[in-house]
Amino acid sequence: MSKDEVFNKIADIIADRFEIDRDKITPQLNFKTDLDADSIDFVEFILELEDTFGAEISDEAAENLNTVGEAVDYIVANTDSK
């Protein structure tokens, strides 16, 4: 799966989960500041990423995912769907 495909899937999840216009989602979008996601929202989002991509995201790795771009890079680097 290409980086663009991963980005598009993550953007679709964010648009649906956080009720944000899909066109406003960029790699620089910050989960905590731009989406105003609380810890429960973020954990649910991480679980959805795990389900969608078949990836396991440790708590430590999740804490370091601040932007959409970082999430895309993590998924691409840590799944077999490259």
PDB file of N, CA and C in Angstrom:
ATOM      1  N   MET A   1       0.855  -1.182   0.000  1.00  0.00           N
ATOM      2  CA  MET A   1       0.000   0.000   0.000  1.00  0.00           C
ATOM      3  C   MET A   1       0.900   1.243   0.000  1.00  0.00           C
ATOM      4  N   SER A   2       0.606   2.153  -0.907  1.00  0.00           N
ATOM      5  CA  SER A   2       1.441   3.350  -1.023  1.00  0.00           C
ATOM      6  C   SER A   2       1.150   4.331   0.115  1.00  0.00           C
ATOM      7  N   LYS A   3       2.067   5.260   0.257  1.00  0.00           N
ATOM      8  CA  LYS A   3       1.907   6.296   1.276  1.00  0.00           C
ATOM      9  C   LYS A   3       0.628   7.097   1.032  1.00  0.00           C
ATOM     10  N   ASP A   4       0.344   7.392  -0.228  1.00  0.00           N
ATOM     11  CA  ASP A   4      -0.879   8.135  -0.567  1.00  0.00           C
ATOM     12  C   ASP A   4      -2.132   7.342  -0.182  1.00  0.00           C
ATOM     13  N   GLU A   5      -2.113   6.037  -0.434  1.00  0.00           N
ATOM     14  CA  GLU A   5      -3.266   5.199  -0.086  1.00  0.00           C
ATOM     15  C   GLU A   5      -3.473   5.171   1.425  1.00  0.00           C
ATOM     16  N   VAL A   6      -2.370   5.053   2.170  1.00  0.00           N
ATOM     17  CA  VAL A   6      -2.459   5.060   3.636  1.00  0.00           C
ATOM     18  C   VAL A   6      -2.996   6.413   4.103  1.00  0.00           C
ATOM     19  N   PHE A   7      -2.464   7.498   3.554  1.00  0.00           N
ATOM     20  CA  PHE A   7      -2.938   8.830   3.933  1.00  0.00           C
ATOM     21  C   PHE A   7      -4.440   8.954   3.681  1.00  0.00           C
ATOM     22  N   ASN A   8      -4.887   8.522   2.505  1.00  0.00           N
ATOM     23  CA  ASN A   8      -6.304   8.650   2.164  1.00  0.00           C
ATOM     24  C   ASN A   8      -7.197   7.851   3.109  1.00  0.00           C
ATOM     25  N   LYS A   9      -6.769   6.652   3.485  1.00  0.00           N
ATOM     26  CA  LYS A   9      -7.564   5.854   4.430  1.00  0.00           C
ATOM     27  C   LYS A   9      -7.613   6.520   5.802  1.00  0.00           C
ATOM     28  N   ILE A  10      -6.460   7.010   6.259  1.00  0.00           N
ATOM     29  CA  ILE A  10      -6.415   7.685   7.563  1.00  0.00           C
ATOM     30  C   ILE A  10      -7.261   8.956   7.511  1.00  0.00           C
ATOM     31  N   ALA A  11      -7.172   9.708   6.424  1.00  0.00           N
ATOM     32  CA  ALA A  11      -7.960  10.933   6.297  1.00  0.00           C
ATOM     33  C   ALA A  11      -9.457  10.628   6.324  1.00  0.00           C
ATOM     34  N   ASP A  12      -9.856   9.536   5.688  1.00  0.00           N
ATOM     35  CA  ASP A  12     -11.264   9.140   5.712  1.00  0.00           C
ATOM     36  C   ASP A  12     -11.720   8.810   7.139  1.00  0.00           C
ATOM     37  N   ILE A  13     -10.874   8.107   7.868  1.00  0.00           N
ATOM     38  CA  ILE A  13     -11.192   7.762   9.266  1.00  0.00           C
ATOM     39  C   ILE A  13     -11.342   9.035  10.091  1.00  0.00           C
ATOM     40  N   ILE A  14     -10.404   9.968   9.936  1.00  0.00           N
ATOM     41  CA  ILE A  14     -10.437  11.221  10.696  1.00  0.00           C
ATOM     42  C   ILE A  14     -11.674  12.032  10.351  1.00  0.00           C
ATOM     43  N   ALA A  15     -11.972  12.138   9.055  1.00  0.00           N
ATOM     44  CA  ALA A  15     -13.146  12.909   8.625  1.00  0.00           C
ATOM     45  C   ALA A  15     -14.416  12.346   9.251  1.00  0.00           C
ATOM     46  N   ASP A  16     -14.519  11.033   9.287  1.00  0.00           N
ATOM     47  CA  ASP A  16     -15.700  10.382   9.845  1.00  0.00           C
ATOM     48  C   ASP A  16     -15.742  10.496  11.367  1.00  0.00           C
ATOM     49  N   ARG A  17     -14.635  10.162  12.013  1.00  0.00           N
ATOM     50  CA  ARG A  17     -14.592  10.109  13.478  1.00  0.00           C
ATOM     51  C   ARG A  17     -14.669  11.498  14.115  1.00  0.00           C
ATOM     52  N   PHE A  18     -14.001  12.472  13.516  1.00  0.00           N
ATOM     53  CA  PHE A  18     -13.913  13.796  14.134  1.00  0.00           C
ATOM     54  C   PHE A  18     -14.805  14.830  13.440  1.00  0.00           C
ATOM     55  N   GLU A  19     -15.596  14.371  12.477  1.00  0.00           N
ATOM     56  CA  GLU A  19     -16.540  15.236  11.771  1.00  0.00           C
ATOM     57  C   GLU A  19     -15.865  16.513  11.259  1.00  0.00           C
ATOM     58  N   ILE A  20     -14.810  16.303  10.499  1.00  0.00           N
ATOM     59  CA  ILE A  20     -14.068  17.409   9.904  1.00  0.00           C
ATOM     60  C   ILE A  20     -14.136  17.244   8.386  1.00  0.00           C
ATOM     61  N   ASP A  21     -14.146  18.354   7.677  1.00  0.00           N
ATOM     62  CA  ASP A  21     -14.177  18.333   6.219  1.00  0.00           C
ATOM     63  C   ASP A  21     -12.922  17.619   5.709  1.00  0.00           C
ATOM     64  N   ARG A  22     -13.112  16.639   4.852  1.00  0.00           N
ATOM     65  CA  ARG A  22     -12.013  15.814   4.328  1.00  0.00           C
ATOM     66  C   ARG A  22     -10.938  16.679   3.669  1.00  0.00           C
ATOM     67  N   ASP A  23     -11.333  17.771   3.035  1.00  0.00           N
ATOM     68  CA  ASP A  23     -10.389  18.649   2.338  1.00  0.00           C
ATOM     69  C   ASP A  23      -9.454  19.397   3.300  1.00  0.00           C
ATOM     70  N   LYS A  24      -9.803  19.454   4.565  1.00  0.00           N
ATOM     71  CA  LYS A  24      -8.976  20.176   5.544  1.00  0.00           C
ATOM     72  C   LYS A  24      -7.917  19.282   6.188  1.00  0.00           C
ATOM     73  N   ILE A  25      -7.914  18.009   5.835  1.00  0.00           N
ATOM     74  CA  ILE A  25      -6.968  17.073   6.443  1.00  0.00           C
ATOM     75  C   ILE A  25      -5.691  17.049   5.616  1.00  0.00           C
ATOM     76  N   THR A  26      -4.590  17.422   6.273  1.00  0.00           N
ATOM     77  CA  THR A  26      -3.272  17.448   5.636  1.00  0.00           C
ATOM     78  C   THR A  26      -2.315  16.625   6.484  1.00  0.00           C
ATOM     79  N   PRO A  27      -1.141  16.295   5.950  1.00  0.00           N
ATOM     80  CA  PRO A  27      -0.157  15.563   6.762  1.00  0.00           C
ATOM     81  C   PRO A  27       0.272  16.340   8.015  1.00  0.00           C
ATOM     82  N   GLN A  28       0.137  17.672   7.992  1.00  0.00           N
ATOM     83  CA  GLN A  28       0.558  18.490   9.135  1.00  0.00           C
ATOM     84  C   GLN A  28      -0.521  18.602  10.216  1.00  0.00           C
ATOM     85  N   LEU A  29      -1.725  18.123   9.932  1.00  0.00           N
ATOM     86  CA  LEU A  29      -2.812  18.232  10.904  1.00  0.00           C
ATOM     87  C   LEU A  29      -2.426  17.527  12.201  1.00  0.00           C
ATOM     88  N   ASN A  30      -2.540  18.253  13.314  1.00  0.00           N
ATOM     89  CA  ASN A  30      -2.168  17.716  14.624  1.00  0.00           C
ATOM     90  C   ASN A  30      -3.404  17.178  15.322  1.00  0.00           C
ATOM     91  N   PHE A  31      -3.324  15.933  15.780  1.00  0.00           N
ATOM     92  CA  PHE A  31      -4.478  15.281  16.405  1.00  0.00           C
ATOM     93  C   PHE A  31      -4.966  16.031  17.641  1.00  0.00           C
ATOM     94  N   LYS A  32      -4.029  16.466  18.457  1.00  0.00           N
ATOM     95  CA  LYS A  32      -4.428  17.040  19.742  1.00  0.00           C
ATOM     96  C   LYS A  32      -4.802  18.513  19.645  1.00  0.00           C
ATOM     97  N   THR A  33      -4.063  19.266  18.844  1.00  0.00           N
ATOM     98  CA  THR A  33      -4.345  20.700  18.793  1.00  0.00           C
ATOM     99  C   THR A  33      -5.349  21.071  17.707  1.00  0.00           C
ATOM    100  N   ASP A  34      -5.228  20.468  16.534  1.00  0.00           N
ATOM    101  CA  ASP A  34      -6.128  20.824  15.438  1.00  0.00           C
ATOM    102  C   ASP A  34      -7.487  20.141  15.533  1.00  0.00           C
ATOM    103  N   LEU A  35      -7.502  18.922  16.075  1.00  0.00           N
ATOM    104  CA  LEU A  35      -8.759  18.188  16.189  1.00  0.00           C
ATOM    105  C   LEU A  35      -9.374  18.297  17.569  1.00  0.00           C
ATOM    106  N   ASP A  36      -8.615  18.841  18.517  1.00  0.00           N
ATOM    107  CA  ASP A  36      -9.089  18.943  19.891  1.00  0.00           C
ATOM    108  C   ASP A  36      -9.531  17.578  20.418  1.00  0.00           C
ATOM    109  N   ALA A  37      -8.748  16.549  20.059  1.00  0.00           N
ATOM    110  CA  ALA A  37      -9.062  15.183  20.470  1.00  0.00           C
ATOM    111  C   ALA A  37      -8.627  14.965  21.916  1.00  0.00           C
ATOM    112  N   ASP A  38      -9.541  14.448  22.731  1.00  0.00           N
ATOM    113  CA  ASP A  38      -9.146  14.101  24.093  1.00  0.00           C
ATOM    114  C   ASP A  38      -8.521  12.711  24.074  1.00  0.00           C
ATOM    115  N   SER A  39      -8.064  12.244  25.230  1.00  0.00           N
ATOM    116  CA  SER A  39      -7.341  10.977  25.279  1.00  0.00           C
ATOM    117  C   SER A  39      -8.213   9.798  24.844  1.00  0.00           C
ATOM    118  N   ILE A  40      -9.482   9.816  25.169  1.00  0.00           N
ATOM    119  CA  ILE A  40     -10.372   8.720  24.772  1.00  0.00           C
ATOM    120  C   ILE A  40     -10.564   8.731  23.256  1.00  0.00           C
ATOM    121  N   ASP A  41     -10.786   9.906  22.677  1.00  0.00           N
ATOM    122  CA  ASP A  41     -10.907  10.016  21.221  1.00  0.00           C
ATOM    123  C   ASP A  41      -9.659   9.467  20.534  1.00  0.00           C
ATOM    124  N   PHE A  42      -8.506   9.832  21.066  1.00  0.00           N
ATOM    125  CA  PHE A  42      -7.248   9.431  20.446  1.00  0.00           C
ATOM    126  C   PHE A  42      -7.046   7.921  20.549  1.00  0.00           C
ATOM    127  N   VAL A  43      -7.339   7.331  21.710  1.00  0.00           N
ATOM    128  CA  VAL A  43      -7.198   5.881  21.884  1.00  0.00           C
ATOM    129  C   VAL A  43      -8.127   5.149  20.917  1.00  0.00           C
ATOM    130  N   GLU A  44      -9.359   5.615  20.793  1.00  0.00           N
ATOM    131  CA  GLU A  44     -10.302   4.987  19.861  1.00  0.00           C
ATOM    132  C   GLU A  44      -9.810   5.104  18.424  1.00  0.00           C
ATOM    133  N   PHE A  45      -9.215   6.241  18.089  1.00  0.00           N
ATOM    134  CA  PHE A  45      -8.654   6.443  16.761  1.00  0.00           C
ATOM    135  C   PHE A  45      -7.506   5.457  16.513  1.00  0.00           C
ATOM    136  N   ILE A  46      -6.623   5.304  17.484  1.00  0.00           N
ATOM    137  CA  ILE A  46      -5.495   4.372  17.356  1.00  0.00           C
ATOM    138  C   ILE A  46      -6.007   2.944  17.170  1.00  0.00           C
ATOM    139  N   LEU A  47      -7.031   2.564  17.938  1.00  0.00           N
ATOM    140  CA  LEU A  47      -7.613   1.223  17.792  1.00  0.00           C
ATOM    141  C   LEU A  47      -8.191   1.027  16.393  1.00  0.00           C
ATOM    142  N   GLU A  48      -8.811   2.062  15.860  1.00  0.00           N
ATOM    143  CA  GLU A  48      -9.361   1.976  14.509  1.00  0.00           C
ATOM    144  C   GLU A  48      -8.241   1.843  13.479  1.00  0.00           C
ATOM    145  N   LEU A  49      -7.134   2.543  13.690  1.00  0.00           N
ATOM    146  CA  LEU A  49      -5.983   2.387  12.791  1.00  0.00           C
ATOM    147  C   LEU A  49      -5.471   0.953  12.835  1.00  0.00           C
ATOM    148  N   GLU A  50      -5.368   0.396  14.037  1.00  0.00           N
ATOM    149  CA  GLU A  50      -4.897  -0.984  14.176  1.00  0.00           C
ATOM    150  C   GLU A  50      -5.803  -1.945  13.412  1.00  0.00           C
ATOM    151  N   ASP A  51      -7.110  -1.768  13.559  1.00  0.00           N
ATOM    152  CA  ASP A  51      -8.066  -2.637  12.863  1.00  0.00           C
ATOM    153  C   ASP A  51      -7.989  -2.459  11.356  1.00  0.00           C
ATOM    154  N   THR A  52      -7.902  -1.241  10.908  1.00  0.00           N
ATOM    155  CA  THR A  52      -7.909  -0.937   9.476  1.00  0.00           C
ATOM    156  C   THR A  52      -6.672  -1.459   8.770  1.00  0.00           C
ATOM    157  N   PHE A  53      -5.517  -1.311   9.418  1.00  0.00           N
ATOM    158  CA  PHE A  53      -4.254  -1.642   8.757  1.00  0.00           C
ATOM    159  C   PHE A  53      -3.618  -2.934   9.252  1.00  0.00           C
ATOM    160  N   GLY A  54      -4.221  -3.581  10.241  1.00  0.00           N
ATOM    161  CA  GLY A  54      -3.652  -4.817  10.765  1.00  0.00           C
ATOM    162  C   GLY A  54      -2.311  -4.582  11.439  1.00  0.00           C
ATOM    163  N   ALA A  55      -2.167  -3.412  12.011  1.00  0.00           N
ATOM    164  CA  ALA A  55      -0.911  -3.040  12.669  1.00  0.00           C
ATOM    165  C   ALA A  55      -1.123  -3.022  14.177  1.00  0.00           C
ATOM    166  N   GLU A  56      -0.066  -3.288  14.895  1.00  0.00           N
ATOM    167  CA  GLU A  56      -0.127  -3.131  16.341  1.00  0.00           C
ATOM    168  C   GLU A  56       0.648  -1.867  16.683  1.00  0.00           C
ATOM    169  N   ILE A  57      -0.013  -0.956  17.378  1.00  0.00           N
ATOM    170  CA  ILE A  57       0.611   0.318  17.740  1.00  0.00           C
ATOM    171  C   ILE A  57       0.742   0.345  19.254  1.00  0.00           C
ATOM    172  N   SER A  58       1.980   0.298  19.733  1.00  0.00           N
ATOM    173  CA  SER A  58       2.215   0.288  21.178  1.00  0.00           C
ATOM    174  C   SER A  58       1.794   1.630  21.776  1.00  0.00           C
ATOM    175  N   ASP A  59       1.551   1.625  23.077  1.00  0.00           N
ATOM    176  CA  ASP A  59       1.201   2.868  23.766  1.00  0.00           C
ATOM    177  C   ASP A  59       2.295   3.911  23.579  1.00  0.00           C
ATOM    178  N   GLU A  60       3.541   3.459  23.648  1.00  0.00           N
ATOM    179  CA  GLU A  60       4.681   4.380  23.496  1.00  0.00           C
ATOM    180  C   GLU A  60       4.698   4.980  22.092  1.00  0.00           C
ATOM    181  N   ALA A  61       4.473   4.145  21.084  1.00  0.00           N
ATOM    182  CA  ALA A  61       4.453   4.654  19.705  1.00  0.00           C
ATOM    183  C   ALA A  61       3.286   5.613  19.515  1.00  0.00           C
ATOM    184  N   ALA A  62       2.133   5.270  20.064  1.00  0.00           N
ATOM    185  CA  ALA A  62       0.941   6.123  19.922  1.00  0.00           C
ATOM    186  C   ALA A  62       1.184   7.502  20.526  1.00  0.00           C
ATOM    187  N   GLU A  63       1.893   7.559  21.649  1.00  0.00           N
ATOM    188  CA  GLU A  63       2.183   8.846  22.291  1.00  0.00           C
ATOM    189  C   GLU A  63       3.021   9.752  21.399  1.00  0.00           C
ATOM    190  N   ASN A  64       3.790   9.151  20.486  1.00  0.00           N
ATOM    191  CA  ASN A  64       4.659   9.921  19.598  1.00  0.00           C
ATOM    192  C   ASN A  64       4.004  10.278  18.270  1.00  0.00           C
ATOM    193  N   LEU A  65       2.762   9.836  18.075  1.00  0.00           N
ATOM    194  CA  LEU A  65       2.041  10.175  16.847  1.00  0.00           C
ATOM    195  C   LEU A  65       1.239  11.447  17.092  1.00  0.00           C
ATOM    196  N   ASN A  66       1.747  12.543  16.597  1.00  0.00           N
ATOM    197  CA  ASN A  66       1.093  13.828  16.817  1.00  0.00           C
ATOM    198  C   ASN A  66       0.372  14.346  15.584  1.00  0.00           C
ATOM    199  N   THR A  67       0.875  13.980  14.413  1.00  0.00           N
ATOM    200  CA  THR A  67       0.283  14.502  13.179  1.00  0.00           C
ATOM    201  C   THR A  67      -0.168  13.359  12.277  1.00  0.00           C
ATOM    202  N   VAL A  68      -0.972  13.703  11.301  1.00  0.00           N
ATOM    203  CA  VAL A  68      -1.420  12.714  10.323  1.00  0.00           C
ATOM    204  C   VAL A  68      -0.217  12.133   9.584  1.00  0.00           C
ATOM    205  N   GLY A  69       0.725  12.983   9.218  1.00  0.00           N
ATOM    206  CA  GLY A  69       1.931  12.521   8.523  1.00  0.00           C
ATOM    207  C   GLY A  69       2.718  11.504   9.330  1.00  0.00           C
ATOM    208  N   GLU A  70       2.832  11.727  10.639  1.00  0.00           N
ATOM    209  CA  GLU A  70       3.543  10.776  11.493  1.00  0.00           C
ATOM    210  C   GLU A  70       2.801   9.448  11.551  1.00  0.00           C
ATOM    211  N   ALA A  71       1.488   9.497  11.583  1.00  0.00           N
ATOM    212  CA  ALA A  71       0.690   8.264  11.592  1.00  0.00           C
ATOM    213  C   ALA A  71       0.872   7.501  10.280  1.00  0.00           C
ATOM    214  N   VAL A  72       0.860   8.230   9.170  1.00  0.00           N
ATOM    215  CA  VAL A  72       1.068   7.597   7.860  1.00  0.00           C
ATOM    216  C   VAL A  72       2.434   6.927   7.815  1.00  0.00           C
ATOM    217  N   ASP A  73       3.475   7.648   8.222  1.00  0.00           N
ATOM    218  CA  ASP A  73       4.832   7.092   8.212  1.00  0.00           C
ATOM    219  C   ASP A  73       4.919   5.849   9.088  1.00  0.00           C
ATOM    220  N   TYR A  74       4.283   5.882  10.252  1.00  0.00           N
ATOM    221  CA  TYR A  74       4.313   4.740  11.166  1.00  0.00           C
ATOM    222  C   TYR A  74       3.637   3.533  10.516  1.00  0.00           C
ATOM    223  N   ILE A  75       2.472   3.732   9.941  1.00  0.00           N
ATOM    224  CA  ILE A  75       1.733   2.631   9.319  1.00  0.00           C
ATOM    225  C   ILE A  75       2.536   2.042   8.167  1.00  0.00           C
ATOM    226  N   VAL A  76       3.089   2.890   7.320  1.00  0.00           N
ATOM    227  CA  VAL A  76       3.871   2.406   6.175  1.00  0.00           C
ATOM    228  C   VAL A  76       5.085   1.606   6.653  1.00  0.00           C
ATOM    229  N   ALA A  77       5.744   2.071   7.699  1.00  0.00           N
ATOM    230  CA  ALA A  77       6.953   1.420   8.196  1.00  0.00           C
ATOM    231  C   ALA A  77       6.667   0.139   8.990  1.00  0.00           C
ATOM    232  N   ASN A  78       5.453   0.012   9.521  1.00  0.00           N
ATOM    233  CA  ASN A  78       5.186  -1.091  10.449  1.00  0.00           C
ATOM    234  C   ASN A  78       4.081  -2.044  10.016  1.00  0.00           C
ATOM    235  N   THR A  79       3.773  -2.052   8.727  1.00  0.00           N
ATOM    236  CA  THR A  79       2.815  -3.039   8.224  1.00  0.00           C
ATOM    237  C   THR A  79       3.398  -3.729   7.010  1.00  0.00           C
ATOM    238  N   ASP A  80       2.830  -4.861   6.692  1.00  0.00           N
ATOM    239  CA  ASP A  80       3.276  -5.615   5.520  1.00  0.00           C
ATOM    240  C   ASP A  80       2.622  -5.121   4.249  1.00  0.00           C
ATOM    241  N   SER A  81       1.754  -4.124   4.378  1.00  0.00           N
ATOM    242  CA  SER A  81       0.997  -3.664   3.220  1.00  0.00           C
ATOM    243  C   SER A  81       1.697  -2.521   2.498  1.00  0.00           C
ATOM    244  N   LYS A  82       3.015  -2.583   2.398  1.00  0.00           N
ATOM    245  CA  LYS A  82       3.796  -1.528   1.742  1.00  0.00           C
ATOM    246  C   LYS A  82       3.569  -1.569   0.255  1.00  0.00           C
TER     247      LYS A  82
END
